[in-house]
Amino acid sequence: MVVGTGSYKDKNEAYPLDRKTLRAIALRSFLIDASFNAETGESIGWLWAMMPGLKKIHTNEEDLSLSMGHNLEYVNTGGHLSTLAMGAVLSLEQQKADLEAIRSLRTAASAASLGLGSILFHWLLIPAVSLTAAVFALEGNALAAVLAFVIPAAVSAALRIILINVGYSKGTRAFEGLIRQREALTHAARIAGIFMIGALCAVFAADTAPAVSVTMAETAFDLNSTVASVLPGIMGVGTVWLCYDMLTKKNRSIFVCVLTVIVIGMVCGVFGIF
């Protein structure tokens, strides 16, 4: 849906936005998904967050109306890295760039933000924090649930405030390297997720594995102690191998790997193995 068409009447470059305005945009970005819909995506929240900057850039009311119109077109950034795209778009708005150039940047920037944000938050950070909090919860620590909520929120808030400045200061350059390195960043996040899952499984194996006894020639052997002495950390290694195979050969996500580990653990728990 194309709403804003035409060109700006005032072609003079606007004054740079101050840090207070950029910070206000970053804080408003927390509500970018409040009015998400299938037709326009995050566009209403996107425009609402951008308004403090657009009002200072476009002093001409017709130009402001035109800018608001084209910023109401479909956009979906995923939320977490939205301010990087906002900053880059605001830099072109300040230069009174051609509307088609702004549209092209907004489309590319929002797609890159959505993809990378999903990888970093939904595939890596949130599963890692949740599993770590689960370890504390098993020990009876009531702060585990609080940490599972506070840590992702704090990371998201810090990134929003930092990235609005990065996107605004670098403009289109902010996404040139990001798009080139997207595959490398995706691979790095997946590998980090593998190590996280393997480390946590090693902790669970060391602390929660039951004493399984095997009697041979009227002598009882502690199977877990025997296996641990011969192959220490075998459960962690096995879990890492399983997740690595799912990620690299079967192209599954970190979420699917975590879910698989949970299901295997539940099944083994039902049959008394764990």
C-alpha atoms as a PDB file:
ATOM      1  CA  MET A   1       0.000   0.000   0.000  1.00  0.00           C
ATOM      2  CA  VAL A   2       1.622   3.256  -1.177  1.00  0.00           C
ATOM      3  CA  VAL A   3       0.350   6.272   0.745  1.00  0.00           C
ATOM      4  CA  GLY A   4       2.973   9.003   0.310  1.00  0.00           C
ATOM      5  CA  THR A   5       3.708  10.005  -3.296  1.00  0.00           C
ATOM      6  CA  GLY A   6       5.455  13.049  -4.734  1.00  0.00           C
ATOM      7  CA  SER A   7       8.557  14.886  -3.542  1.00  0.00           C
ATOM      8  CA  TYR A   8       9.467  17.264  -0.757  1.00  0.00           C
ATOM      9  CA  LYS A   9       9.004  20.967  -1.455  1.00  0.00           C
ATOM     10  CA  ASP A  10      11.704  22.058   0.979  1.00  0.00           C
ATOM     11  CA  LYS A  11      14.913  20.571  -0.438  1.00  0.00           C
ATOM     12  CA  ASN A  12      17.229  22.175   2.125  1.00  0.00           C
ATOM     13  CA  GLU A  13      18.932  19.711   4.452  1.00  0.00           C
ATOM     14  CA  ALA A  14      17.550  19.891   7.984  1.00  0.00           C
ATOM     15  CA  TYR A  15      19.528  20.436  11.167  1.00  0.00           C
ATOM     16  CA  PRO A  16      20.900  17.231  12.730  1.00  0.00           C
ATOM     17  CA  LEU A  17      18.686  15.666  15.385  1.00  0.00           C
ATOM     18  CA  ASP A  18      19.900  15.953  18.966  1.00  0.00           C
ATOM     19  CA  ARG A  19      20.510  12.992  21.273  1.00  0.00           C
ATOM     20  CA  LYS A  20      17.407  13.755  23.331  1.00  0.00           C
ATOM     21  CA  THR A  21      15.183  13.361  20.272  1.00  0.00           C
ATOM     22  CA  LEU A  22      16.930  10.155  19.211  1.00  0.00           C
ATOM     23  CA  ARG A  23      16.554   8.766  22.736  1.00  0.00           C
ATOM     24  CA  ALA A  24      12.819   9.584  22.697  1.00  0.00           C
ATOM     25  CA  ILE A  25      12.479   7.673  19.401  1.00  0.00           C
ATOM     26  CA  ALA A  26      14.323   4.694  20.891  1.00  0.00           C
ATOM     27  CA  LEU A  27      11.998   4.596  23.903  1.00  0.00           C
ATOM     28  CA  ARG A  28       8.913   4.898  21.698  1.00  0.00           C
ATOM     29  CA  SER A  29      10.134   1.942  19.627  1.00  0.00           C
ATOM     30  CA  PHE A  30       9.154  -0.402  22.483  1.00  0.00           C
ATOM     31  CA  LEU A  31       5.535  -0.003  21.319  1.00  0.00           C
ATOM     32  CA  ILE A  32       6.258  -0.594  17.644  1.00  0.00           C
ATOM     33  CA  ASP A  33       4.321  -3.888  17.663  1.00  0.00           C
ATOM     34  CA  ALA A  34       1.345  -2.574  19.653  1.00  0.00           C
ATOM     35  CA  SER A  35      -0.746  -2.122  16.497  1.00  0.00           C
ATOM     36  CA  PHE A  36       0.784  -4.845  14.319  1.00  0.00           C
ATOM     37  CA  ASN A  37      -1.539  -6.067  11.576  1.00  0.00           C
ATOM     38  CA  ALA A  38      -1.319  -8.152   8.423  1.00  0.00           C
ATOM     39  CA  GLU A  39      -1.910  -5.243   6.032  1.00  0.00           C
ATOM     40  CA  THR A  40       0.658  -2.679   7.190  1.00  0.00           C
ATOM     41  CA  GLY A  41       2.784  -4.630   9.686  1.00  0.00           C
ATOM     42  CA  GLU A  42       4.408  -2.328  12.241  1.00  0.00           C
ATOM     43  CA  SER A  43       3.860   0.843  10.222  1.00  0.00           C
ATOM     44  CA  ILE A  44       1.605   2.609  12.762  1.00  0.00           C
ATOM     45  CA  GLY A  45       4.006   1.974  15.619  1.00  0.00           C
ATOM     46  CA  TRP A  46       6.935   2.778  13.322  1.00  0.00           C
ATOM     47  CA  LEU A  47       5.490   6.191  12.427  1.00  0.00           C
ATOM     48  CA  TRP A  48       4.529   6.971  16.031  1.00  0.00           C
ATOM     49  CA  ALA A  49       8.079   6.247  17.165  1.00  0.00           C
ATOM     50  CA  MET A  50       9.571   8.359  14.352  1.00  0.00           C
ATOM     51  CA  MET A  51       7.334  11.407  14.887  1.00  0.00           C
ATOM     52  CA  PRO A  52       9.645  13.380  17.256  1.00  0.00           C
ATOM     53  CA  GLY A  53      12.339  13.278  14.575  1.00  0.00           C
ATOM     54  CA  LEU A  54      10.078  13.851  11.567  1.00  0.00           C
ATOM     55  CA  LYS A  55       8.515  16.940  13.152  1.00  0.00           C
ATOM     56  CA  LYS A  56      11.944  18.522  13.610  1.00  0.00           C
ATOM     57  CA  ILE A  57      13.136  17.572  10.133  1.00  0.00           C
ATOM     58  CA  HIS A  58      10.057  18.689   8.183  1.00  0.00           C
ATOM     59  CA  THR A  59       8.964  22.176   9.245  1.00  0.00           C
ATOM     60  CA  ASN A  60       6.797  22.438   6.131  1.00  0.00           C
ATOM     61  CA  GLU A  61       3.399  20.904   6.945  1.00  0.00           C
ATOM     62  CA  GLU A  62       2.929  19.448   3.458  1.00  0.00           C
ATOM     63  CA  ASP A  63       6.342  17.808   3.595  1.00  0.00           C
ATOM     64  CA  LEU A  64       5.550  16.424   7.051  1.00  0.00           C
ATOM     65  CA  SER A  65       2.244  15.026   5.773  1.00  0.00           C
ATOM     66  CA  LEU A  66       4.029  13.434   2.807  1.00  0.00           C
ATOM     67  CA  SER A  67       6.678  11.917   5.080  1.00  0.00           C
ATOM     68  CA  MET A  68       4.032  10.535   7.427  1.00  0.00           C
ATOM     69  CA  GLY A  69       2.204   9.044   4.457  1.00  0.00           C
ATOM     70  CA  HIS A  70       5.101   7.051   3.033  1.00  0.00           C
ATOM     71  CA  ASN A  71       6.222   5.965   6.522  1.00  0.00           C
ATOM     72  CA  LEU A  72       2.790   4.356   6.949  1.00  0.00           C
ATOM     73  CA  GLU A  73       3.622   1.842   4.226  1.00  0.00           C
ATOM     74  CA  TYR A  74       4.272  -1.774   5.194  1.00  0.00           C
ATOM     75  CA  VAL A  75       7.296  -2.358   7.421  1.00  0.00           C
ATOM     76  CA  ASN A  76       8.300  -5.213   9.718  1.00  0.00           C
ATOM     77  CA  THR A  77      11.543  -4.945  11.690  1.00  0.00           C
ATOM     78  CA  GLY A  78      10.855  -7.538  14.398  1.00  0.00           C
ATOM     79  CA  GLY A  79      11.144  -4.844  17.075  1.00  0.00           C
ATOM     80  CA  HIS A  80      14.466  -5.607  18.775  1.00  0.00           C
ATOM     81  CA  LEU A  81      16.744  -3.961  16.172  1.00  0.00           C
ATOM     82  CA  SER A  82      14.133  -1.569  14.803  1.00  0.00           C
ATOM     83  CA  THR A  83      15.985   1.574  15.865  1.00  0.00           C
ATOM     84  CA  LEU A  84      18.912   0.774  13.570  1.00  0.00           C
ATOM     85  CA  ALA A  85      16.523   0.951  10.609  1.00  0.00           C
ATOM     86  CA  MET A  86      14.820   4.048  12.053  1.00  0.00           C
ATOM     87  CA  GLY A  87      18.107   5.884  12.427  1.00  0.00           C
ATOM     88  CA  ALA A  88      19.150   5.091   8.860  1.00  0.00           C
ATOM     89  CA  VAL A  89      15.787   6.259   7.467  1.00  0.00           C
ATOM     90  CA  LEU A  90      15.916   9.452   9.542  1.00  0.00           C
ATOM     91  CA  SER A  91      19.351  10.226   8.108  1.00  0.00           C
ATOM     92  CA  LEU A  92      17.868  10.197   4.583  1.00  0.00           C
ATOM     93  CA  GLU A  93      14.841  12.169   5.743  1.00  0.00           C
ATOM     94  CA  GLN A  94      17.192  14.820   7.113  1.00  0.00           C
ATOM     95  CA  GLN A  95      18.936  15.017   3.729  1.00  0.00           C
ATOM     96  CA  LYS A  96      15.519  15.354   2.020  1.00  0.00           C
ATOM     97  CA  ALA A  97      16.402  12.405  -0.172  1.00  0.00           C
ATOM     98  CA  ASP A  98      14.200  11.064  -2.949  1.00  0.00           C
ATOM     99  CA  LEU A  99      11.213   9.120  -1.606  1.00  0.00           C
ATOM    100  CA  GLU A 100      12.070   6.037  -3.654  1.00  0.00           C
ATOM    101  CA  ALA A 101      15.537   5.959  -2.086  1.00  0.00           C
ATOM    102  CA  ILE A 102      13.984   6.199   1.373  1.00  0.00           C
ATOM    103  CA  ARG A 103      11.520   3.410   0.537  1.00  0.00           C
ATOM    104  CA  SER A 104      14.299   1.166  -0.752  1.00  0.00           C
ATOM    105  CA  LEU A 105      16.393   1.724   2.369  1.00  0.00           C
ATOM    106  CA  ARG A 106      13.431   1.159   4.689  1.00  0.00           C
ATOM    107  CA  THR A 107      12.585  -2.133   2.972  1.00  0.00           C
ATOM    108  CA  ALA A 108      16.155  -3.444   3.033  1.00  0.00           C
ATOM    109  CA  ALA A 109      16.841  -2.176   6.561  1.00  0.00           C
ATOM    110  CA  SER A 110      13.667  -3.629   8.032  1.00  0.00           C
ATOM    111  CA  ALA A 111      14.322  -7.042   6.440  1.00  0.00           C
ATOM    112  CA  ALA A 112      17.892  -7.120   7.768  1.00  0.00           C
ATOM    113  CA  SER A 113      16.743  -6.015  11.239  1.00  0.00           C
ATOM    114  CA  LEU A 114      14.018  -8.650  11.296  1.00  0.00           C
ATOM    115  CA  GLY A 115      16.340 -11.485  10.286  1.00  0.00           C
ATOM    116  CA  LEU A 116      19.235 -10.627  12.566  1.00  0.00           C
ATOM    117  CA  GLY A 117      16.980  -9.704  15.481  1.00  0.00           C
ATOM    118  CA  SER A 118      15.210 -13.056  15.304  1.00  0.00           C
ATOM    119  CA  ILE A 119      18.531 -14.892  15.284  1.00  0.00           C
ATOM    120  CA  LEU A 120      20.059 -12.990  18.199  1.00  0.00           C
ATOM    121  CA  PHE A 121      16.985 -12.858  20.435  1.00  0.00           C
ATOM    122  CA  HIS A 122      14.651 -15.739  19.580  1.00  0.00           C
ATOM    123  CA  TRP A 123      17.288 -18.299  18.640  1.00  0.00           C
ATOM    124  CA  LEU A 124      20.087 -17.384  21.037  1.00  0.00           C
ATOM    125  CA  LEU A 125      19.541 -14.879  23.861  1.00  0.00           C
ATOM    126  CA  ILE A 126      16.066 -15.848  25.061  1.00  0.00           C
ATOM    127  CA  PRO A 127      16.704 -19.655  24.986  1.00  0.00           C
ATOM    128  CA  ALA A 128      20.064 -19.157  26.722  1.00  0.00           C
ATOM    129  CA  VAL A 129      18.605 -16.947  29.455  1.00  0.00           C
ATOM    130  CA  SER A 130      15.575 -19.209  29.890  1.00  0.00           C
ATOM    131  CA  LEU A 131      17.665 -22.348  30.270  1.00  0.00           C
ATOM    132  CA  THR A 132      20.051 -20.611  32.656  1.00  0.00           C
ATOM    133  CA  ALA A 133      17.104 -19.370  34.709  1.00  0.00           C
ATOM    134  CA  ALA A 134      15.749 -22.929  34.745  1.00  0.00           C
ATOM    135  CA  VAL A 135      18.963 -24.096  36.401  1.00  0.00           C
ATOM    136  CA  PHE A 136      18.511 -21.533  39.204  1.00  0.00           C
ATOM    137  CA  ALA A 137      14.804 -22.369  39.469  1.00  0.00           C
ATOM    138  CA  LEU A 138      15.610 -26.029  40.056  1.00  0.00           C
ATOM    139  CA  GLU A 139      17.703 -24.909  43.030  1.00  0.00           C
ATOM    140  CA  GLY A 140      14.705 -23.057  44.461  1.00  0.00           C
ATOM    141  CA  ASN A 141      15.865 -19.535  43.551  1.00  0.00           C
ATOM    142  CA  ALA A 142      12.789 -17.325  43.141  1.00  0.00           C
ATOM    143  CA  LEU A 143      14.781 -14.725  41.171  1.00  0.00           C
ATOM    144  CA  ALA A 144      15.078 -17.100  38.222  1.00  0.00           C
ATOM    145  CA  ALA A 145      11.764 -15.983  36.699  1.00  0.00           C
ATOM    146  CA  VAL A 146      12.687 -12.327  37.200  1.00  0.00           C
ATOM    147  CA  LEU A 147      16.056 -12.780  35.497  1.00  0.00           C
ATOM    148  CA  ALA A 148      14.431 -14.563  32.551  1.00  0.00           C
ATOM    149  CA  PHE A 149      12.357 -11.429  31.935  1.00  0.00           C
ATOM    150  CA  VAL A 150      14.744  -8.650  32.987  1.00  0.00           C
ATOM    151  CA  ILE A 151      17.888  -9.714  31.072  1.00  0.00           C
ATOM    152  CA  PRO A 152      16.314  -9.834  27.554  1.00  0.00           C
ATOM    153  CA  ALA A 153      14.444  -6.581  28.273  1.00  0.00           C
ATOM    154  CA  ALA A 154      17.633  -4.846  29.444  1.00  0.00           C
ATOM    155  CA  VAL A 155      19.603  -6.051  26.416  1.00  0.00           C
ATOM    156  CA  SER A 156      16.807  -4.918  24.096  1.00  0.00           C
ATOM    157  CA  ALA A 157      16.645  -1.470  25.742  1.00  0.00           C
ATOM    158  CA  ALA A 158      20.414  -0.977  25.533  1.00  0.00           C
ATOM    159  CA  LEU A 159      20.516  -2.016  21.871  1.00  0.00           C
ATOM    160  CA  ARG A 160      17.641   0.293  20.937  1.00  0.00           C
ATOM    161  CA  ILE A 161      19.349   3.332  22.456  1.00  0.00           C
ATOM    162  CA  ILE A 162      22.746   2.485  20.952  1.00  0.00           C
ATOM    163  CA  LEU A 163      21.511   1.494  17.490  1.00  0.00           C
ATOM    164  CA  ILE A 164      19.399   4.617  16.918  1.00  0.00           C
ATOM    165  CA  ASN A 165      22.607   6.647  17.134  1.00  0.00           C
ATOM    166  CA  VAL A 166      24.558   4.200  14.969  1.00  0.00           C
ATOM    167  CA  GLY A 167      21.889   4.101  12.268  1.00  0.00           C
ATOM    168  CA  TYR A 168      21.449   7.872  12.241  1.00  0.00           C
ATOM    169  CA  SER A 169      25.152   8.702  12.146  1.00  0.00           C
ATOM    170  CA  LYS A 170      26.106   6.137   9.483  1.00  0.00           C
ATOM    171  CA  GLY A 171      22.936   6.090   7.389  1.00  0.00           C
ATOM    172  CA  THR A 172      23.045   3.559   4.560  1.00  0.00           C
ATOM    173  CA  ARG A 173      26.552   2.484   5.607  1.00  0.00           C
ATOM    174  CA  ALA A 174      25.058   0.995   8.774  1.00  0.00           C
ATOM    175  CA  PHE A 175      23.535  -1.808   6.697  1.00  0.00           C
ATOM    176  CA  GLU A 176      26.175  -2.376   4.044  1.00  0.00           C
ATOM    177  CA  GLY A 177      28.421  -4.413   6.334  1.00  0.00           C
ATOM    178  CA  LEU A 178      25.468  -5.944   8.168  1.00  0.00           C
ATOM    179  CA  ILE A 179      23.981  -7.382   4.992  1.00  0.00           C
ATOM    180  CA  ARG A 180      27.386  -8.661   3.809  1.00  0.00           C
ATOM    181  CA  GLN A 181      28.077 -10.365   7.134  1.00  0.00           C
ATOM    182  CA  ARG A 182      24.565 -11.677   7.729  1.00  0.00           C
ATOM    183  CA  GLU A 183      25.411 -15.310   6.971  1.00  0.00           C
ATOM    184  CA  ALA A 184      28.524 -15.196   9.149  1.00  0.00           C
ATOM    185  CA  LEU A 185      26.533 -13.694  12.035  1.00  0.00           C
ATOM    186  CA  THR A 186      23.852 -16.355  11.644  1.00  0.00           C
ATOM    187  CA  HIS A 187      26.452 -19.128  11.742  1.00  0.00           C
ATOM    188  CA  ALA A 188      28.164 -17.604  14.790  1.00  0.00           C
ATOM    189  CA  ALA A 189      24.858 -17.365  16.676  1.00  0.00           C
ATOM    190  CA  ARG A 190      24.076 -20.997  15.923  1.00  0.00           C
ATOM    191  CA  ILE A 191      27.486 -22.191  17.101  1.00  0.00           C
ATOM    192  CA  ALA A 192      27.132 -20.155  20.295  1.00  0.00           C
ATOM    193  CA  GLY A 193      23.753 -21.772  20.865  1.00  0.00           C
ATOM    194  CA  ILE A 194      25.294 -25.226  20.497  1.00  0.00           C
ATOM    195  CA  PHE A 195      27.937 -24.509  23.144  1.00  0.00           C
ATOM    196  CA  MET A 196      25.270 -23.058  25.456  1.00  0.00           C
ATOM    197  CA  ILE A 197      23.068 -26.140  25.203  1.00  0.00           C
ATOM    198  CA  GLY A 198      26.013 -28.529  25.619  1.00  0.00           C
ATOM    199  CA  ALA A 199      27.311 -26.708  28.698  1.00  0.00           C
ATOM    200  CA  LEU A 200      23.909 -26.701  30.360  1.00  0.00           C
ATOM    201  CA  CYS A 201      23.359 -30.378  29.601  1.00  0.00           C
ATOM    202  CA  ALA A 202      26.742 -31.155  31.153  1.00  0.00           C
ATOM    203  CA  VAL A 203      25.616 -29.335  34.313  1.00  0.00           C
ATOM    204  CA  PHE A 204      22.340 -31.250  34.427  1.00  0.00           C
ATOM    205  CA  ALA A 205      24.121 -34.538  33.802  1.00  0.00           C
ATOM    206  CA  ALA A 206      26.554 -33.917  36.639  1.00  0.00           C
ATOM    207  CA  ASP A 207      23.939 -32.788  39.155  1.00  0.00           C
ATOM    208  CA  THR A 208      20.807 -34.748  38.362  1.00  0.00           C
ATOM    209  CA  ALA A 209      21.822 -38.101  36.910  1.00  0.00           C
ATOM    210  CA  PRO A 210      20.528 -40.906  39.165  1.00  0.00           C
ATOM    211  CA  ALA A 211      22.572 -43.754  40.507  1.00  0.00           C
ATOM    212  CA  VAL A 212      21.878 -46.665  38.144  1.00  0.00           C
ATOM    213  CA  SER A 213      23.263 -49.953  39.489  1.00  0.00           C
ATOM    214  CA  VAL A 214      24.133 -53.047  37.458  1.00  0.00           C
ATOM    215  CA  THR A 215      24.768 -56.365  39.214  1.00  0.00           C
ATOM    216  CA  MET A 216      27.318 -58.712  37.679  1.00  0.00           C
ATOM    217  CA  ALA A 217      28.660 -61.819  39.387  1.00  0.00           C
ATOM    218  CA  GLU A 218      26.963 -60.797  42.634  1.00  0.00           C
ATOM    219  CA  THR A 219      28.811 -57.432  42.515  1.00  0.00           C
ATOM    220  CA  ALA A 220      26.879 -54.162  42.103  1.00  0.00           C
ATOM    221  CA  PHE A 221      28.371 -51.500  39.883  1.00  0.00           C
ATOM    222  CA  ASP A 222      27.300 -47.832  39.775  1.00  0.00           C
ATOM    223  CA  LEU A 223      26.763 -47.456  36.033  1.00  0.00           C
ATOM    224  CA  ASN A 224      26.817 -43.659  36.053  1.00  0.00           C
ATOM    225  CA  SER A 225      30.098 -43.458  37.966  1.00  0.00           C
ATOM    226  CA  THR A 226      31.675 -46.020  35.662  1.00  0.00           C
ATOM    227  CA  VAL A 227      30.561 -44.223  32.495  1.00  0.00           C
ATOM    228  CA  ALA A 228      31.625 -40.845  33.930  1.00  0.00           C
ATOM    229  CA  SER A 229      35.093 -42.158  34.707  1.00  0.00           C
ATOM    230  CA  VAL A 230      35.554 -43.641  31.219  1.00  0.00           C
ATOM    231  CA  LEU A 231      33.719 -41.005  29.167  1.00  0.00           C
ATOM    232  CA  PRO A 232      33.379 -37.820  31.266  1.00  0.00           C
ATOM    233  CA  GLY A 233      30.786 -35.361  29.998  1.00  0.00           C
ATOM    234  CA  ILE A 234      29.363 -37.837  27.483  1.00  0.00           C
ATOM    235  CA  MET A 235      25.838 -36.434  27.858  1.00  0.00           C
ATOM    236  CA  GLY A 236      26.986 -32.912  27.051  1.00  0.00           C
ATOM    237  CA  VAL A 237      29.053 -34.100  24.100  1.00  0.00           C
ATOM    238  CA  GLY A 238      26.155 -36.182  22.789  1.00  0.00           C
ATOM    239  CA  THR A 239      23.774 -33.247  23.059  1.00  0.00           C
ATOM    240  CA  VAL A 240      26.192 -30.933  21.265  1.00  0.00           C
ATOM    241  CA  TRP A 241      26.611 -33.503  18.486  1.00  0.00           C
ATOM    242  CA  LEU A 242      22.833 -33.898  18.158  1.00  0.00           C
ATOM    243  CA  CYS A 243      22.246 -30.132  17.955  1.00  0.00           C
ATOM    244  CA  TYR A 244      25.166 -29.632  15.561  1.00  0.00           C
ATOM    245  CA  ASP A 245      23.747 -32.275  13.248  1.00  0.00           C
ATOM    246  CA  MET A 246      20.289 -30.664  13.375  1.00  0.00           C
ATOM    247  CA  LEU A 247      21.649 -27.174  12.695  1.00  0.00           C
ATOM    248  CA  THR A 248      24.178 -27.926   9.958  1.00  0.00           C
ATOM    249  CA  LYS A 249      22.733 -30.923   8.118  1.00  0.00           C
ATOM    250  CA  LYS A 250      19.009 -30.621   8.750  1.00  0.00           C
ATOM    251  CA  ASN A 251      18.937 -26.785   8.879  1.00  0.00           C
ATOM    252  CA  ARG A 252      16.862 -26.627  12.063  1.00  0.00           C
ATOM    253  CA  SER A 253      16.687 -23.572  14.340  1.00  0.00           C
ATOM    254  CA  ILE A 254      18.018 -23.180  17.885  1.00  0.00           C
ATOM    255  CA  PHE A 255      14.417 -23.273  19.123  1.00  0.00           C
ATOM    256  CA  VAL A 256      13.849 -26.702  17.560  1.00  0.00           C
ATOM    257  CA  CYS A 257      17.093 -27.965  19.115  1.00  0.00           C
ATOM    258  CA  VAL A 258      16.098 -26.749  22.575  1.00  0.00           C
ATOM    259  CA  LEU A 259      12.631 -28.271  22.175  1.00  0.00           C
ATOM    260  CA  THR A 260      14.159 -31.592  21.092  1.00  0.00           C
ATOM    261  CA  VAL A 261      16.448 -31.661  24.138  1.00  0.00           C
ATOM    262  CA  ILE A 262      13.494 -30.886  26.437  1.00  0.00           C
ATOM    263  CA  VAL A 263      11.340 -33.645  24.899  1.00  0.00           C
ATOM    264  CA  ILE A 264      14.156 -36.212  25.176  1.00  0.00           C
ATOM    265  CA  GLY A 265      14.711 -35.196  28.797  1.00  0.00           C
ATOM    266  CA  MET A 266      10.999 -35.534  29.623  1.00  0.00           C
ATOM    267  CA  VAL A 267      10.739 -38.952  27.986  1.00  0.00           C
ATOM    268  CA  CYS A 268      13.843 -40.199  29.787  1.00  0.00           C
ATOM    269  CA  GLY A 269      12.486 -38.771  33.043  1.00  0.00           C
ATOM    270  CA  VAL A 270       9.192 -40.642  32.636  1.00  0.00           C
ATOM    271  CA  PHE A 271      11.053 -43.946  32.221  1.00  0.00           C
ATOM    272  CA  GLY A 272      13.380 -43.196  35.167  1.00  0.00           C
ATOM    273  CA  ILE A 273      16.541 -42.768  33.124  1.00  0.00           C
ATOM    274  CA  PHE A 274      17.033 -39.142  34.282  1.00  0.00           C
END
